[in-house]
Amino acid sequence: MSHSYSRIIGTGSYLPPRRVTNADLAAELGQRGVETSDEWIVERTGIRARHFAAPDVTSSDLGAEAARRALASAGIAASEIDLIIVATSTPDMVFPS
């Protein structure tokens, strides 16, 4: 009997180029009258920096670049893929992600 199986042969990720540190964020929020600091943010969240996409860039744009990188990592063409799994908490629209 032949067994079918699946395996992960490549992964990819992508972050938008705009990196905002806590100091950057604190300065921006300070101009709006909100007081915070790197220490306050790190103590409560553990986050030191985050990446922001441009207004015209969607989650699916980021996912498409991550998929390209996964294909390159696996060394295969898109036509060789049977399944793509997408997981996000920030979809372009409510359904489907």
Protein backbone atom coordinates (compact mmCIF):
# COMPACT_ATOMS: atom_id res chain seq x y z
CA MET A 1 0.00 0.00 0.00
CA SER A 2 1.34 3.43 -0.94
CA HIS A 3 1.29 6.13 1.73
CA SER A 4 0.73 9.78 0.95
CA TYR A 5 2.49 12.26 3.13
CA SER A 6 3.19 15.94 3.35
CA ARG A 7 6.25 17.83 4.38
CA ILE A 8 7.47 21.38 4.65
CA ILE A 9 10.31 21.90 2.21
CA GLY A 10 10.64 25.67 2.41
CA THR A 11 9.48 28.60 4.47
CA GLY A 12 9.49 32.32 3.83
CA SER A 13 8.76 35.53 5.64
CA TYR A 14 8.74 39.20 4.82
CA LEU A 15 8.71 42.39 6.87
CA PRO A 16 7.94 45.80 5.40
CA PRO A 17 11.03 48.01 5.30
CA ARG A 18 9.76 50.75 7.67
CA ARG A 19 11.10 49.74 11.10
CA VAL A 20 9.84 51.82 14.03
CA THR A 21 11.63 51.56 17.37
CA ASN A 22 9.98 52.29 20.69
CA ALA A 23 11.92 55.56 20.85
CA ASP A 24 10.52 56.52 17.43
CA LEU A 25 7.02 55.56 18.54
CA ALA A 26 7.33 57.44 21.84
CA ALA A 27 8.46 60.58 19.99
CA GLU A 28 5.56 60.33 17.52
CA LEU A 29 3.03 59.73 20.29
CA GLY A 30 4.56 62.53 22.38
CA GLN A 31 3.68 64.99 19.59
CA ARG A 32 0.07 63.88 20.04
CA GLY A 33 0.16 64.35 23.80
CA VAL A 34 0.62 60.67 24.72
CA GLU A 35 3.42 59.97 27.17
CA THR A 36 5.30 56.67 26.88
CA SER A 37 8.86 55.38 26.69
CA ASP A 38 10.91 52.46 25.45
CA GLU A 39 11.13 51.10 28.99
CA TRP A 40 7.38 51.29 29.56
CA ILE A 41 6.61 49.48 26.27
CA VAL A 42 9.26 46.78 26.72
CA GLU A 43 8.22 46.10 30.33
CA ARG A 44 4.62 45.48 29.30
CA THR A 45 4.98 43.89 25.86
CA GLY A 46 8.57 42.81 25.31
CA ILE A 47 8.47 44.65 21.97
CA ARG A 48 11.47 46.82 21.04
CA ALA A 49 10.55 47.62 17.42
CA ARG A 50 7.88 46.88 14.86
CA HIS A 51 7.54 47.13 11.09
CA PHE A 52 4.84 49.18 9.37
CA ALA A 53 3.66 48.65 5.82
CA ALA A 54 2.99 51.61 3.54
CA PRO A 55 -0.68 52.62 3.30
CA ASP A 56 -1.04 51.00 -0.14
CA VAL A 57 0.50 47.67 0.94
CA THR A 58 -1.89 44.92 2.09
CA SER A 59 -1.37 41.74 4.09
CA SER A 60 -1.70 39.74 0.88
CA ASP A 61 1.14 41.80 -0.66
CA LEU A 62 3.34 40.85 2.29
CA GLY A 63 2.19 37.23 2.03
CA ALA A 64 2.97 37.08 -1.68
CA GLU A 65 6.56 38.16 -1.03
CA ALA A 66 6.85 35.63 1.79
CA ALA A 67 5.55 32.94 -0.61
CA ARG A 68 8.15 33.91 -3.22
CA ARG A 69 10.83 33.53 -0.57
CA ALA A 70 9.43 30.14 0.50
CA LEU A 71 9.55 28.94 -3.10
CA ALA A 72 13.14 30.12 -3.42
CA SER A 73 14.00 28.40 -0.12
CA ALA A 74 12.49 25.15 -1.36
CA GLY A 75 14.03 25.51 -4.82
CA ILE A 76 10.75 24.74 -6.60
CA ALA A 77 8.28 26.41 -8.96
CA ALA A 78 4.82 27.53 -7.83
CA SER A 79 3.28 24.96 -10.17
CA GLU A 80 4.76 22.17 -8.03
CA ILE A 81 2.81 23.17 -4.91
CA ASP A 82 -0.30 21.31 -3.79
CA LEU A 83 -1.22 23.45 -0.77
CA ILE A 84 -0.60 26.92 0.61
CA ILE A 85 -1.49 27.68 4.23
CA VAL A 86 -2.20 31.30 5.16
CA ALA A 87 -2.50 32.49 8.75
CA THR A 88 -2.97 36.14 9.68
CA SER A 89 -4.70 38.30 12.25
CA THR A 90 -4.76 41.19 9.78
CA PRO A 91 -6.51 40.02 6.57
CA ASP A 92 -7.21 42.30 3.60
CA MET A 93 -10.89 41.50 4.07
CA VAL A 94 -12.85 39.57 6.67
CA PHE A 95 -13.19 36.44 4.51
CA PRO A 96 -11.25 34.79 2.98
CA SER A 97 -7.85 35.70 4.43
